[in-house]
């Protein structure tokens, strides 16, 4: 018998921006937010938190707890952002240990 969620494949998107001197990274599909001293730190922290959330949900068999979309204004920010990083599953390897096939981050620059 296959483990619950073993065929699950997830694509994640994130918007990153600076607010009051702190970098914020926000995952759209999971509504998870991370902070960092710089852009890379915030995105790394977000990836780690998303990975933990997905692994925990799979371990507990609670797949519904994975997907809690961010508010519409965060999705609008993402659509206005410039491409920052996109990591895809390559040659059988994953960016995450969890079933994430693609992670795309965009940076929002306020004028």
N, C-alpha and C. Protein backbone atom coordinates (compact mmCIF):
# COMPACT_ATOMS: atom_id res chain seq x y z
N UNK A 1 0.85 -1.18 0.00
CA UNK A 1 0.00 0.00 0.00
C UNK A 1 0.90 1.24 0.00
N UNK A 2 0.58 2.20 -0.85
CA UNK A 2 1.37 3.43 -0.95
C UNK A 2 1.11 4.33 0.25
N UNK A 3 2.14 5.00 0.69
CA UNK A 3 2.04 5.96 1.79
C UNK A 3 1.18 7.15 1.36
N UNK A 4 0.32 7.65 2.26
CA UNK A 4 -0.54 8.79 1.94
C UNK A 4 0.29 9.97 1.47
N UNK A 5 -0.06 10.52 0.33
CA UNK A 5 0.66 11.67 -0.20
C UNK A 5 1.92 11.32 -0.96
N UNK A 6 2.20 10.02 -1.16
CA UNK A 6 3.44 9.63 -1.81
C UNK A 6 3.48 10.07 -3.28
N UNK A 7 2.33 10.30 -3.90
CA UNK A 7 2.28 10.77 -5.28
C UNK A 7 2.08 12.28 -5.37
N UNK A 8 2.10 12.94 -4.24
CA UNK A 8 1.87 14.37 -4.17
C UNK A 8 3.04 15.13 -4.80
N UNK A 9 2.73 16.06 -5.69
CA UNK A 9 3.73 16.94 -6.30
C UNK A 9 3.23 18.37 -6.13
N UNK A 10 4.09 19.23 -5.64
CA UNK A 10 3.70 20.60 -5.30
C UNK A 10 4.60 21.60 -6.01
N UNK A 11 4.00 22.65 -6.53
CA UNK A 11 4.74 23.80 -7.05
C UNK A 11 4.48 24.95 -6.09
N UNK A 12 5.55 25.60 -5.64
CA UNK A 12 5.42 26.70 -4.70
C UNK A 12 5.92 28.00 -5.31
N UNK A 13 5.31 29.09 -4.88
CA UNK A 13 5.69 30.42 -5.32
C UNK A 13 5.85 31.31 -4.10
N UNK A 14 6.74 32.28 -4.20
CA UNK A 14 6.98 33.18 -3.08
C UNK A 14 7.27 34.59 -3.59
N UNK A 15 6.89 35.56 -2.78
CA UNK A 15 7.25 36.95 -3.04
C UNK A 15 8.15 37.41 -1.91
N UNK A 16 9.19 38.13 -2.25
CA UNK A 16 10.13 38.65 -1.24
C UNK A 16 10.20 40.16 -1.39
N UNK A 17 10.24 40.84 -0.26
CA UNK A 17 10.30 42.30 -0.26
C UNK A 17 10.89 42.78 1.06
N UNK A 18 11.33 44.01 1.05
CA UNK A 18 11.92 44.61 2.23
C UNK A 18 10.89 45.50 2.92
N UNK A 19 10.80 45.35 4.24
CA UNK A 19 9.86 46.14 5.03
C UNK A 19 10.56 46.57 6.32
N UNK A 20 10.69 47.87 6.51
CA UNK A 20 11.35 48.41 7.70
C UNK A 20 12.75 47.81 7.91
N UNK A 21 13.49 47.65 6.81
CA UNK A 21 14.86 47.16 6.89
C UNK A 21 15.01 45.65 7.05
N UNK A 22 13.90 44.93 7.07
CA UNK A 22 13.93 43.47 7.21
C UNK A 22 13.38 42.86 5.93
N UNK A 23 14.03 41.80 5.45
CA UNK A 23 13.54 41.10 4.27
C UNK A 23 12.47 40.10 4.68
N UNK A 24 11.37 40.11 3.95
CA UNK A 24 10.23 39.22 4.17
C UNK A 24 10.08 38.33 2.94
N UNK A 25 9.85 37.05 3.15
CA UNK A 25 9.54 36.12 2.06
C UNK A 25 8.24 35.42 2.44
N UNK A 26 7.29 35.39 1.50
CA UNK A 26 5.95 34.89 1.77
C UNK A 26 5.57 33.85 0.71
N UNK A 27 5.28 32.63 1.14
CA UNK A 27 4.85 31.56 0.23
C UNK A 27 3.36 31.70 -0.05
N UNK A 28 2.99 31.78 -1.31
CA UNK A 28 1.61 32.01 -1.69
C UNK A 28 0.71 30.82 -1.40
N UNK A 29 1.16 29.63 -1.72
CA UNK A 29 0.31 28.44 -1.60
C UNK A 29 0.13 27.98 -0.16
N UNK A 30 1.10 28.25 0.71
CA UNK A 30 1.05 27.77 2.09
C UNK A 30 0.80 28.88 3.10
N UNK A 31 0.84 30.12 2.67
CA UNK A 31 0.70 31.29 3.55
C UNK A 31 1.67 31.23 4.72
N UNK A 32 2.91 30.90 4.40
CA UNK A 32 3.99 30.87 5.39
C UNK A 32 4.90 32.06 5.12
N UNK A 33 5.32 32.73 6.19
CA UNK A 33 6.15 33.92 6.08
C UNK A 33 7.44 33.70 6.85
N UNK A 34 8.55 34.16 6.26
CA UNK A 34 9.85 34.10 6.93
C UNK A 34 10.54 35.46 6.80
N UNK A 35 11.44 35.72 7.73
CA UNK A 35 12.23 36.96 7.70
C UNK A 35 13.69 36.62 7.54
N UNK A 36 14.46 37.61 7.11
CA UNK A 36 15.89 37.42 7.00
C UNK A 36 16.61 38.75 6.99
N UNK A 37 17.92 38.70 7.27
CA UNK A 37 18.74 39.91 7.25
C UNK A 37 18.95 40.42 5.83
N UNK A 38 18.89 39.49 4.86
CA UNK A 38 19.01 39.87 3.45
C UNK A 38 18.05 38.99 2.65
N UNK A 39 17.96 39.26 1.38
CA UNK A 39 17.03 38.55 0.50
C UNK A 39 17.25 37.04 0.52
N UNK A 40 18.49 36.63 0.34
CA UNK A 40 18.80 35.20 0.30
C UNK A 40 18.46 34.51 1.62
N UNK A 41 18.74 35.17 2.72
CA UNK A 41 18.45 34.62 4.04
C UNK A 41 16.94 34.41 4.22
N UNK A 42 16.14 35.38 3.79
CA UNK A 42 14.69 35.27 3.92
C UNK A 42 14.15 34.12 3.07
N UNK A 43 14.64 34.00 1.84
CA UNK A 43 14.17 32.92 0.96
C UNK A 43 14.60 31.56 1.50
N UNK A 44 15.85 31.45 1.96
CA UNK A 44 16.33 30.18 2.55
C UNK A 44 15.47 29.79 3.75
N UNK A 45 15.17 30.75 4.60
CA UNK A 45 14.34 30.47 5.77
C UNK A 45 12.95 30.01 5.36
N UNK A 46 12.40 30.65 4.33
CA UNK A 46 11.07 30.28 3.85
C UNK A 46 11.08 28.86 3.30
N UNK A 47 12.06 28.53 2.51
CA UNK A 47 12.16 27.18 1.95
C UNK A 47 12.21 26.16 3.08
N UNK A 48 12.99 26.44 4.10
CA UNK A 48 13.10 25.53 5.24
C UNK A 48 11.77 25.36 5.97
N UNK A 49 11.05 26.46 6.19
CA UNK A 49 9.75 26.39 6.86
C UNK A 49 8.71 25.63 6.03
N UNK A 50 8.69 25.89 4.73
CA UNK A 50 7.76 25.18 3.84
C UNK A 50 8.05 23.69 3.83
N UNK A 51 9.33 23.35 3.75
CA UNK A 51 9.74 21.95 3.75
C UNK A 51 9.28 21.26 5.04
N UNK A 52 9.47 21.93 6.17
CA UNK A 52 9.05 21.37 7.46
C UNK A 52 7.53 21.19 7.51
N UNK A 53 6.78 22.18 7.05
CA UNK A 53 5.32 22.10 7.05
C UNK A 53 4.84 20.91 6.22
N UNK A 54 5.40 20.75 5.04
CA UNK A 54 4.98 19.67 4.15
C UNK A 54 5.35 18.31 4.74
N UNK A 55 6.56 18.17 5.22
CA UNK A 55 7.00 16.90 5.82
C UNK A 55 6.13 16.52 7.01
N UNK A 56 5.83 17.50 7.86
CA UNK A 56 5.02 17.24 9.05
C UNK A 56 3.61 16.81 8.64
N UNK A 57 3.02 17.49 7.69
CA UNK A 57 1.68 17.14 7.23
C UNK A 57 1.65 15.73 6.63
N UNK A 58 2.66 15.40 5.86
CA UNK A 58 2.73 14.06 5.27
C UNK A 58 2.91 12.99 6.34
N UNK A 59 3.76 13.27 7.30
CA UNK A 59 4.02 12.32 8.38
C UNK A 59 2.74 12.06 9.19
N UNK A 60 1.97 13.11 9.43
CA UNK A 60 0.75 13.00 10.22
C UNK A 60 -0.47 12.62 9.38
N UNK A 61 -0.28 12.49 8.05
CA UNK A 61 -1.39 12.14 7.18
C UNK A 61 -2.45 13.22 7.08
N UNK A 62 -2.04 14.46 7.26
CA UNK A 62 -2.97 15.60 7.26
C UNK A 62 -2.68 16.50 6.06
N UNK A 63 -2.96 16.01 4.86
CA UNK A 63 -2.65 16.76 3.65
C UNK A 63 -3.42 18.06 3.53
N UNK A 64 -4.62 18.13 4.13
CA UNK A 64 -5.41 19.36 4.05
C UNK A 64 -4.72 20.53 4.75
N UNK A 65 -3.86 20.24 5.71
CA UNK A 65 -3.19 21.33 6.43
C UNK A 65 -2.07 21.98 5.62
N UNK A 66 -1.71 21.36 4.51
CA UNK A 66 -0.63 21.91 3.69
C UNK A 66 -1.07 23.19 2.99
N UNK A 67 -2.22 23.16 2.36
CA UNK A 67 -2.63 24.26 1.48
C UNK A 67 -3.56 25.24 2.19
N UNK A 68 -2.98 26.40 2.50
CA UNK A 68 -3.72 27.53 3.06
C UNK A 68 -3.24 28.76 2.30
N UNK A 69 -3.92 29.10 1.23
CA UNK A 69 -3.43 30.18 0.37
C UNK A 69 -3.29 31.52 1.09
N UNK A 70 -2.30 32.27 0.67
CA UNK A 70 -2.08 33.62 1.18
C UNK A 70 -3.23 34.51 0.72
N UNK A 71 -3.43 35.64 1.40
CA UNK A 71 -4.49 36.58 1.01
C UNK A 71 -4.27 37.11 -0.42
N UNK A 72 -5.35 37.55 -1.07
CA UNK A 72 -5.26 38.03 -2.46
C UNK A 72 -4.21 39.12 -2.69
N UNK A 73 -4.02 40.01 -1.72
CA UNK A 73 -3.03 41.08 -1.93
C UNK A 73 -1.60 40.54 -2.06
N UNK A 74 -1.32 39.41 -1.44
CA UNK A 74 0.01 38.80 -1.56
C UNK A 74 0.17 38.21 -2.97
N UNK A 75 -0.89 37.61 -3.50
CA UNK A 75 -0.86 37.08 -4.87
C UNK A 75 -0.67 38.24 -5.86
N UNK A 76 -1.29 39.38 -5.60
CA UNK A 76 -1.11 40.55 -6.47
C UNK A 76 0.34 41.03 -6.42
N UNK A 77 0.94 41.03 -5.24
CA UNK A 77 2.34 41.42 -5.12
C UNK A 77 3.22 40.50 -5.97
N UNK A 78 2.93 39.20 -5.91
CA UNK A 78 3.71 38.22 -6.69
C UNK A 78 3.61 38.52 -8.18
N UNK A 79 2.41 38.82 -8.65
CA UNK A 79 2.22 39.08 -10.08
C UNK A 79 2.98 40.32 -10.54
N UNK A 80 3.28 41.24 -9.62
CA UNK A 80 4.03 42.46 -9.95
C UNK A 80 5.53 42.31 -9.76
N UNK A 81 5.96 41.22 -9.16
CA UNK A 81 7.37 41.04 -8.84
C UNK A 81 8.21 40.61 -10.04
N UNK A 82 9.50 40.84 -9.92
CA UNK A 82 10.42 40.40 -10.98
C UNK A 82 11.00 39.05 -10.58
N UNK A 83 11.26 38.22 -11.59
CA UNK A 83 11.80 36.88 -11.35
C UNK A 83 13.09 36.98 -10.54
N UNK A 84 13.19 36.15 -9.54
CA UNK A 84 14.34 36.15 -8.65
C UNK A 84 15.07 34.82 -8.74
N UNK A 85 14.36 33.74 -8.46
CA UNK A 85 14.95 32.41 -8.49
C UNK A 85 13.86 31.41 -8.81
N UNK A 86 14.20 30.42 -9.59
CA UNK A 86 13.29 29.32 -9.84
C UNK A 86 14.10 28.04 -9.78
N UNK A 87 13.70 27.17 -8.89
CA UNK A 87 14.38 25.89 -8.74
C UNK A 87 13.41 24.80 -9.15
N UNK A 88 13.87 23.94 -10.03
CA UNK A 88 13.03 22.85 -10.49
C UNK A 88 13.70 21.53 -10.16
N UNK A 89 12.87 20.50 -10.10
CA UNK A 89 13.39 19.16 -9.93
C UNK A 89 14.25 18.85 -11.15
N UNK A 90 15.48 18.42 -10.92
CA UNK A 90 16.38 18.16 -12.03
C UNK A 90 17.00 16.77 -11.92
N UNK A 91 16.90 16.03 -12.97
CA UNK A 91 17.52 14.70 -13.05
C UNK A 91 17.22 13.84 -11.84
N UNK A 92 15.96 13.82 -11.44
CA UNK A 92 15.54 12.97 -10.33
C UNK A 92 15.83 13.53 -8.95
N UNK A 93 16.45 14.70 -8.87
CA UNK A 93 16.75 15.30 -7.57
C UNK A 93 15.74 16.40 -7.29
N UNK A 94 15.46 16.58 -6.03
CA UNK A 94 14.50 17.61 -5.63
C UNK A 94 15.20 18.73 -4.88
N UNK A 95 14.62 19.92 -4.93
CA UNK A 95 15.13 21.05 -4.15
C UNK A 95 14.84 20.81 -2.68
N UNK A 96 13.77 20.12 -2.41
CA UNK A 96 13.32 19.83 -1.06
C UNK A 96 13.33 18.31 -0.90
N UNK A 97 13.31 17.85 0.34
CA UNK A 97 13.10 16.44 0.56
C UNK A 97 11.62 16.12 0.38
N UNK A 98 10.76 17.09 0.67
CA UNK A 98 9.32 16.93 0.48
C UNK A 98 9.02 16.97 -1.02
N UNK A 99 7.79 16.69 -1.41
CA UNK A 99 7.47 16.54 -2.85
C UNK A 99 7.27 17.84 -3.60
N UNK A 100 8.24 18.74 -3.54
CA UNK A 100 8.14 20.01 -4.25
C UNK A 100 8.87 19.87 -5.58
N UNK A 101 8.13 20.06 -6.66
CA UNK A 101 8.73 19.96 -8.00
C UNK A 101 9.35 21.28 -8.46
N UNK A 102 8.75 22.41 -8.03
CA UNK A 102 9.24 23.71 -8.47
C UNK A 102 9.04 24.72 -7.36
N UNK A 103 10.04 25.58 -7.18
CA UNK A 103 9.93 26.69 -6.24
C UNK A 103 10.34 27.95 -6.99
N UNK A 104 9.42 28.91 -7.11
CA UNK A 104 9.71 30.16 -7.81
C UNK A 104 9.57 31.31 -6.83
N UNK A 105 10.59 32.14 -6.75
CA UNK A 105 10.54 33.34 -5.90
C UNK A 105 10.68 34.57 -6.80
N UNK A 106 9.93 35.60 -6.42
CA UNK A 106 10.02 36.89 -7.12
C UNK A 106 10.27 37.97 -6.09
N UNK A 107 10.94 39.03 -6.53
CA UNK A 107 11.22 40.16 -5.66
C UNK A 107 10.31 41.32 -6.02
N UNK A 108 9.71 41.92 -5.02
CA UNK A 108 8.89 43.10 -5.23
C UNK A 108 9.70 44.31 -4.78
N UNK A 109 9.88 45.25 -5.68
CA UNK A 109 10.62 46.47 -5.37
C UNK A 109 9.62 47.61 -5.32
N UNK A 110 9.54 48.25 -4.18
CA UNK A 110 8.64 49.39 -4.03
C UNK A 110 9.30 50.63 -4.59
N UNK A 111 8.53 51.42 -5.33
CA UNK A 111 9.08 52.63 -5.95
C UNK A 111 9.21 53.74 -4.94
